[in-house]
Amino acid sequence: MHRDNFFSRIPPEWILRLGIAGVYFYTSTDIFRHTAGWYWAIQSLPDFFQHAIGAIGIDTYLRMQAAGEFIIALVMIGWFFPKAASRWAGLFVAFQMGLILLLVGLNLETYRDIGILGAGLALFALLSKK
């Protein structure tokens, strides 16, 4: 006898989308509210990226980053967007996390990026099948 439970009724893509949206809403709003609190994320980047960021200003860069992450979060929860938007957003999330892992490496702040990278790839794979 099969019993329906709450989670069996939710498509896996929505669990991934809500999880990614939660991360990106949190980080984007925190960057907007406490921009200086995110300087640490720039300091461990290679010099080339630090110089490019310095050219526009660290606060400007971080706010642009936050705006992009906020848009990703909106796409993830926006049921009215085409699924292709969420699929490509998932790939972008994986790409972003992959870059962070390659450029910054593993440390106490980036270990969780592996899970976000996996969630983005899983979402891309799920939505590519449909």
N, C-alpha and C. Protein backbone atom coordinates (compact mmCIF):
# COMPACT_ATOMS: atom_id res chain seq x y z
N MET A 1 0.84 -1.17 0.00
CA MET A 1 0.00 0.00 0.00
C MET A 1 0.90 1.25 0.00
N HIS A 2 0.66 2.12 -0.95
CA HIS A 2 1.45 3.34 -1.07
C HIS A 2 0.70 4.50 -0.43
N ARG A 3 1.39 5.17 0.44
CA ARG A 3 0.80 6.36 1.07
C ARG A 3 1.50 7.59 0.53
N ASP A 4 0.71 8.53 0.11
CA ASP A 4 1.29 9.79 -0.34
C ASP A 4 1.70 10.59 0.88
N ASN A 5 2.89 11.11 0.83
CA ASN A 5 3.28 12.05 1.86
C ASN A 5 3.58 13.39 1.20
N PHE A 6 3.82 14.36 2.00
CA PHE A 6 4.03 15.72 1.52
C PHE A 6 5.12 15.78 0.45
N PHE A 7 6.26 15.15 0.73
CA PHE A 7 7.39 15.26 -0.19
C PHE A 7 7.20 14.48 -1.48
N SER A 8 6.37 13.46 -1.48
CA SER A 8 6.15 12.72 -2.72
C SER A 8 5.30 13.53 -3.70
N ARG A 9 4.65 14.56 -3.22
CA ARG A 9 3.81 15.40 -4.08
C ARG A 9 4.58 16.57 -4.67
N ILE A 10 5.77 16.85 -4.14
CA ILE A 10 6.55 17.99 -4.62
C ILE A 10 7.56 17.49 -5.66
N PRO A 11 7.52 18.06 -6.85
CA PRO A 11 8.52 17.66 -7.85
C PRO A 11 9.93 17.99 -7.35
N PRO A 12 10.90 17.10 -7.57
CA PRO A 12 12.27 17.35 -7.10
C PRO A 12 12.85 18.67 -7.59
N GLU A 13 12.46 19.08 -8.79
CA GLU A 13 12.98 20.36 -9.29
C GLU A 13 12.62 21.51 -8.37
N TRP A 14 11.42 21.45 -7.75
CA TRP A 14 11.01 22.54 -6.87
C TRP A 14 11.76 22.52 -5.55
N ILE A 15 12.13 21.36 -5.09
CA ILE A 15 12.95 21.29 -3.87
C ILE A 15 14.31 21.94 -4.16
N LEU A 16 14.89 21.62 -5.30
CA LEU A 16 16.16 22.23 -5.68
C LEU A 16 16.02 23.73 -5.89
N ARG A 17 14.96 24.13 -6.60
CA ARG A 17 14.76 25.55 -6.88
C ARG A 17 14.57 26.35 -5.59
N LEU A 18 13.80 25.82 -4.66
CA LEU A 18 13.59 26.54 -3.40
C LEU A 18 14.86 26.60 -2.57
N GLY A 19 15.63 25.52 -2.57
CA GLY A 19 16.89 25.53 -1.83
C GLY A 19 17.88 26.54 -2.39
N ILE A 20 18.03 26.56 -3.70
CA ILE A 20 18.94 27.52 -4.34
C ILE A 20 18.43 28.94 -4.12
N ALA A 21 17.13 29.14 -4.27
CA ALA A 21 16.56 30.48 -4.06
C ALA A 21 16.82 30.96 -2.64
N GLY A 22 16.68 30.07 -1.67
CA GLY A 22 16.94 30.45 -0.28
C GLY A 22 18.36 30.93 -0.07
N VAL A 23 19.31 30.21 -0.63
CA VAL A 23 20.73 30.60 -0.51
C VAL A 23 20.95 31.95 -1.17
N TYR A 24 20.44 32.12 -2.37
CA TYR A 24 20.69 33.35 -3.11
C TYR A 24 19.92 34.54 -2.56
N PHE A 25 18.73 34.34 -2.03
CA PHE A 25 18.03 35.45 -1.36
C PHE A 25 18.81 35.88 -0.12
N TYR A 26 19.27 34.91 0.64
CA TYR A 26 20.02 35.23 1.85
C TYR A 26 21.29 36.01 1.53
N THR A 27 22.11 35.47 0.61
CA THR A 27 23.37 36.14 0.33
C THR A 27 23.16 37.51 -0.32
N SER A 28 22.23 37.60 -1.25
CA SER A 28 22.04 38.89 -1.92
C SER A 28 21.55 39.96 -0.96
N THR A 29 20.60 39.64 -0.11
CA THR A 29 20.12 40.66 0.83
C THR A 29 21.18 41.00 1.86
N ASP A 30 21.97 40.02 2.27
CA ASP A 30 23.03 40.32 3.24
C ASP A 30 24.13 41.17 2.61
N ILE A 31 24.46 40.93 1.35
CA ILE A 31 25.45 41.77 0.69
C ILE A 31 24.95 43.20 0.57
N PHE A 32 23.67 43.37 0.21
CA PHE A 32 23.11 44.72 0.13
C PHE A 32 23.13 45.42 1.49
N ARG A 33 22.81 44.69 2.53
CA ARG A 33 22.71 45.29 3.87
C ARG A 33 24.07 45.49 4.53
N HIS A 34 25.00 44.57 4.30
CA HIS A 34 26.30 44.59 5.00
C HIS A 34 27.42 44.40 3.98
N THR A 35 27.52 45.30 3.04
CA THR A 35 28.47 45.14 1.95
C THR A 35 29.89 44.91 2.46
N ALA A 36 30.34 45.68 3.41
CA ALA A 36 31.71 45.54 3.92
C ALA A 36 31.95 44.18 4.56
N GLY A 37 30.91 43.55 5.04
CA GLY A 37 31.04 42.23 5.63
C GLY A 37 31.38 41.15 4.62
N TRP A 38 31.35 41.47 3.33
CA TRP A 38 31.65 40.51 2.28
C TRP A 38 32.99 40.76 1.60
N TYR A 39 33.77 41.71 2.11
CA TYR A 39 35.09 41.98 1.53
C TYR A 39 35.97 40.74 1.55
N TRP A 40 35.79 39.90 2.56
CA TRP A 40 36.60 38.68 2.67
C TRP A 40 36.50 37.81 1.42
N ALA A 41 35.34 37.84 0.76
CA ALA A 41 35.12 36.98 -0.41
C ALA A 41 35.97 37.43 -1.60
N ILE A 42 36.37 38.68 -1.61
CA ILE A 42 37.17 39.22 -2.71
C ILE A 42 38.66 39.04 -2.42
N GLN A 43 39.04 39.11 -1.17
CA GLN A 43 40.45 39.12 -0.80
C GLN A 43 41.20 37.87 -1.20
N SER A 44 40.51 36.75 -1.33
CA SER A 44 41.22 35.52 -1.67
C SER A 44 41.20 35.22 -3.17
N LEU A 45 40.66 36.13 -3.97
CA LEU A 45 40.67 35.96 -5.43
C LEU A 45 42.06 36.26 -5.98
N PRO A 46 42.40 35.68 -7.13
CA PRO A 46 43.69 36.01 -7.75
C PRO A 46 43.80 37.51 -8.04
N ASP A 47 45.03 37.99 -8.13
CA ASP A 47 45.29 39.43 -8.31
C ASP A 47 44.58 40.01 -9.51
N PHE A 48 44.53 39.27 -10.62
CA PHE A 48 43.87 39.78 -11.82
C PHE A 48 42.43 40.21 -11.52
N PHE A 49 41.70 39.35 -10.82
CA PHE A 49 40.30 39.66 -10.49
C PHE A 49 40.21 40.79 -9.48
N GLN A 50 41.12 40.82 -8.52
CA GLN A 50 41.10 41.90 -7.54
C GLN A 50 41.35 43.25 -8.21
N HIS A 51 42.26 43.29 -9.18
CA HIS A 51 42.52 44.55 -9.89
C HIS A 51 41.30 44.98 -10.71
N ALA A 52 40.65 44.03 -11.37
CA ALA A 52 39.46 44.35 -12.15
C ALA A 52 38.35 44.86 -11.24
N ILE A 53 38.18 44.22 -10.12
CA ILE A 53 37.16 44.66 -9.16
C ILE A 53 37.51 46.02 -8.59
N GLY A 54 38.80 46.22 -8.32
CA GLY A 54 39.26 47.51 -7.80
C GLY A 54 38.98 48.65 -8.76
N ALA A 55 38.99 48.36 -10.06
CA ALA A 55 38.74 49.40 -11.06
C ALA A 55 37.31 49.94 -10.97
N ILE A 56 36.36 49.11 -10.59
CA ILE A 56 34.98 49.59 -10.46
C ILE A 56 34.60 49.86 -9.01
N GLY A 57 35.42 49.39 -8.10
CA GLY A 57 35.16 49.58 -6.67
C GLY A 57 34.56 48.33 -6.07
N ILE A 58 35.06 47.94 -4.93
CA ILE A 58 34.61 46.70 -4.30
C ILE A 58 33.14 46.76 -3.91
N ASP A 59 32.68 47.91 -3.42
CA ASP A 59 31.27 48.03 -3.06
C ASP A 59 30.37 47.90 -4.28
N THR A 60 30.76 48.55 -5.38
CA THR A 60 29.98 48.47 -6.62
C THR A 60 29.94 47.03 -7.12
N TYR A 61 31.10 46.37 -7.12
CA TYR A 61 31.15 44.99 -7.58
C TYR A 61 30.24 44.10 -6.73
N LEU A 62 30.36 44.23 -5.41
CA LEU A 62 29.55 43.38 -4.53
C LEU A 62 28.06 43.64 -4.70
N ARG A 63 27.68 44.89 -4.92
CA ARG A 63 26.26 45.19 -5.14
C ARG A 63 25.78 44.62 -6.48
N MET A 64 26.65 44.65 -7.49
CA MET A 64 26.29 44.03 -8.77
C MET A 64 26.15 42.52 -8.59
N GLN A 65 27.05 41.93 -7.83
CA GLN A 65 26.98 40.50 -7.52
C GLN A 65 25.66 40.19 -6.80
N ALA A 66 25.32 41.01 -5.83
CA ALA A 66 24.08 40.81 -5.06
C ALA A 66 22.86 40.94 -5.97
N ALA A 67 22.87 41.90 -6.87
CA ALA A 67 21.73 42.07 -7.79
C ALA A 67 21.58 40.84 -8.68
N GLY A 68 22.70 40.33 -9.17
CA GLY A 68 22.65 39.12 -10.00
C GLY A 68 22.13 37.93 -9.22
N GLU A 69 22.57 37.78 -7.97
CA GLU A 69 22.10 36.66 -7.15
C GLU A 69 20.62 36.81 -6.81
N PHE A 70 20.17 38.03 -6.62
CA PHE A 70 18.76 38.26 -6.34
C PHE A 70 17.91 37.87 -7.55
N ILE A 71 18.38 38.20 -8.74
CA ILE A 71 17.67 37.82 -9.97
C ILE A 71 17.60 36.30 -10.10
N ILE A 72 18.71 35.62 -9.81
CA ILE A 72 18.72 34.15 -9.85
C ILE A 72 17.66 33.61 -8.89
N ALA A 73 17.61 34.16 -7.68
CA ALA A 73 16.62 33.70 -6.69
C ALA A 73 15.20 33.91 -7.21
N LEU A 74 14.94 35.06 -7.83
CA LEU A 74 13.61 35.32 -8.38
C LEU A 74 13.26 34.33 -9.48
N VAL A 75 14.21 34.03 -10.34
CA VAL A 75 13.97 33.05 -11.41
C VAL A 75 13.65 31.69 -10.79
N MET A 76 14.35 31.34 -9.72
CA MET A 76 14.13 30.03 -9.10
C MET A 76 12.73 29.89 -8.51
N ILE A 77 12.21 30.95 -7.93
CA ILE A 77 10.87 30.83 -7.33
C ILE A 77 9.75 31.28 -8.27
N GLY A 78 10.12 31.87 -9.38
CA GLY A 78 9.11 32.38 -10.31
C GLY A 78 8.49 31.28 -11.15
N TRP A 79 7.37 30.74 -10.70
CA TRP A 79 6.68 29.68 -11.43
C TRP A 79 6.23 30.14 -12.81
N PHE A 80 6.13 31.45 -12.99
CA PHE A 80 5.65 32.01 -14.25
C PHE A 80 6.75 32.14 -15.30
N PHE A 81 8.02 31.96 -14.88
CA PHE A 81 9.12 31.96 -15.85
C PHE A 81 9.13 30.63 -16.60
N PRO A 82 9.57 30.64 -17.85
CA PRO A 82 9.71 29.35 -18.55
C PRO A 82 10.71 28.46 -17.82
N LYS A 83 10.50 27.16 -17.87
CA LYS A 83 11.42 26.23 -17.19
C LYS A 83 12.84 26.38 -17.71
N ALA A 84 12.96 26.79 -18.96
CA ALA A 84 14.30 26.98 -19.52
C ALA A 84 15.08 28.03 -18.72
N ALA A 85 14.39 29.04 -18.19
CA ALA A 85 15.08 30.06 -17.39
C ALA A 85 15.67 29.43 -16.13
N SER A 86 14.93 28.56 -15.48
CA SER A 86 15.45 27.88 -14.29
C SER A 86 16.56 26.89 -14.65
N ARG A 87 16.42 26.25 -15.79
CA ARG A 87 17.46 25.32 -16.23
C ARG A 87 18.77 26.06 -16.42
N TRP A 88 18.73 27.18 -17.14
CA TRP A 88 19.96 27.94 -17.39
C TRP A 88 20.46 28.62 -16.13
N ALA A 89 19.56 29.03 -15.26
CA ALA A 89 19.98 29.60 -13.98
C ALA A 89 20.71 28.54 -13.15
N GLY A 90 20.22 27.30 -13.20
CA GLY A 90 20.90 26.21 -12.49
C GLY A 90 22.31 25.98 -13.02
N LEU A 91 22.46 26.05 -14.33
CA LEU A 91 23.79 25.90 -14.92
C LEU A 91 24.69 27.07 -14.53
N PHE A 92 24.13 28.28 -14.51
CA PHE A 92 24.90 29.44 -14.09
C PHE A 92 25.35 29.30 -12.64
N VAL A 93 24.47 28.83 -11.78
CA VAL A 93 24.81 28.62 -10.37
C VAL A 93 25.98 27.64 -10.26
N ALA A 94 25.90 26.54 -11.01
CA ALA A 94 26.99 25.55 -10.98
C ALA A 94 28.28 26.17 -11.50
N PHE A 95 28.19 26.95 -12.56
CA PHE A 95 29.37 27.61 -13.13
C PHE A 95 29.99 28.58 -12.12
N GLN A 96 29.14 29.38 -11.47
CA GLN A 96 29.61 30.34 -10.48
C GLN A 96 30.31 29.63 -9.32
N MET A 97 29.70 28.57 -8.80
CA MET A 97 30.29 27.84 -7.69
C MET A 97 31.58 27.14 -8.12
N GLY A 98 31.60 26.63 -9.35
CA GLY A 98 32.82 26.01 -9.86
C GLY A 98 33.96 27.01 -9.96
N LEU A 99 33.65 28.22 -10.43
CA LEU A 99 34.68 29.27 -10.48
C LEU A 99 35.19 29.63 -9.09
N ILE A 100 34.29 29.74 -8.15
CA ILE A 100 34.70 30.05 -6.78
C ILE A 100 35.64 28.96 -6.26
N LEU A 101 35.27 27.72 -6.48
CA LEU A 101 36.11 26.61 -6.00
C LEU A 101 37.46 26.59 -6.70
N LEU A 102 37.49 26.90 -8.00
CA LEU A 102 38.76 26.92 -8.73
C LEU A 102 39.64 28.10 -8.34
N LEU A 103 39.03 29.26 -8.20
CA LEU A 103 39.80 30.48 -7.95
C LEU A 103 40.16 30.68 -6.48
N VAL A 104 39.27 30.29 -5.60
CA VAL A 104 39.48 30.51 -4.17
C VAL A 104 40.03 29.25 -3.50
N GLY A 105 39.55 28.10 -3.95
CA GLY A 105 39.95 26.85 -3.33
C GLY A 105 39.03 26.51 -2.17
N LEU A 106 39.33 25.43 -1.51
CA LEU A 106 38.52 25.01 -0.38
C LEU A 106 39.02 25.66 0.90
N ASN A 107 38.10 26.24 1.62
CA ASN A 107 38.40 26.81 2.92
C ASN A 107 37.13 26.77 3.76
N LEU A 108 37.15 27.41 4.91
CA LEU A 108 35.99 27.35 5.80
C LEU A 108 34.76 28.04 5.24
N GLU A 109 34.92 28.93 4.28
CA GLU A 109 33.77 29.62 3.70
C GLU A 109 33.24 28.94 2.43
N THR A 110 34.07 28.18 1.73
CA THR A 110 33.66 27.67 0.43
C THR A 110 33.23 26.21 0.43
N TYR A 111 33.36 25.52 1.53
CA TYR A 111 33.02 24.09 1.54
C TYR A 111 31.58 23.85 1.11
N ARG A 112 30.69 24.74 1.47
CA ARG A 112 29.27 24.55 1.14
C ARG A 112 28.99 24.78 -0.34
N ASP A 113 29.92 25.42 -1.04
CA ASP A 113 29.73 25.69 -2.45
C ASP A 113 29.68 24.40 -3.27
N ILE A 114 30.28 23.33 -2.75
CA ILE A 114 30.22 22.04 -3.44
C ILE A 114 28.77 21.56 -3.52
N GLY A 115 28.01 21.70 -2.44
CA GLY A 115 26.60 21.31 -2.43
C GLY A 115 25.76 22.18 -3.36
N ILE A 116 26.05 23.48 -3.39
CA ILE A 116 25.31 24.38 -4.27
C ILE A 116 25.64 24.07 -5.73
N LEU A 117 26.91 23.77 -6.01
CA LEU A 117 27.30 23.36 -7.35
C LEU A 117 26.51 22.11 -7.76
N GLY A 118 26.44 21.14 -6.88
CA GLY A 118 25.68 19.92 -7.17
C GLY A 118 24.21 20.18 -7.38
N ALA A 119 23.63 21.06 -6.58
CA ALA A 119 22.21 21.39 -6.74
C ALA A 119 21.95 22.07 -8.08
N GLY A 120 22.84 22.97 -8.47
CA GLY A 120 22.69 23.64 -9.77
C GLY A 120 22.78 22.66 -10.93
N LEU A 121 23.76 21.73 -10.86
CA LEU A 121 23.89 20.73 -11.91
C LEU A 121 22.69 19.78 -11.93
N ALA A 122 22.22 19.40 -10.75
CA ALA A 122 21.06 18.50 -10.67
C ALA A 122 19.83 19.16 -11.28
N LEU A 123 19.63 20.45 -10.97
CA LEU A 123 18.49 21.17 -11.53
C LEU A 123 18.61 21.26 -13.05
N PHE A 124 19.80 21.58 -13.52
CA PHE A 124 20.01 21.64 -14.98
C PHE A 124 19.70 20.29 -15.62
N ALA A 125 20.18 19.21 -15.02
CA ALA A 125 19.95 17.87 -15.57
C ALA A 125 18.47 17.51 -15.54
N LEU A 126 17.79 17.78 -14.43
CA LEU A 126 16.36 17.46 -14.33
C LEU A 126 15.55 18.21 -15.38
N LEU A 127 15.84 19.50 -15.53
CA LEU A 127 15.04 20.31 -16.46
C LEU A 127 15.45 20.11 -17.91
N SER A 128 16.60 19.49 -18.14
CA SER A 128 17.01 19.19 -19.52
C SER A 128 16.29 17.96 -20.05
N LYS A 129 15.76 17.12 -19.17
CA LYS A 129 15.07 15.90 -19.57
C LYS A 129 13.66 16.17 -20.05
N LYS A 130 13.11 17.32 -19.69
CA LYS A 130 11.70 17.58 -19.99
C LYS A 130 11.52 18.26 -21.30
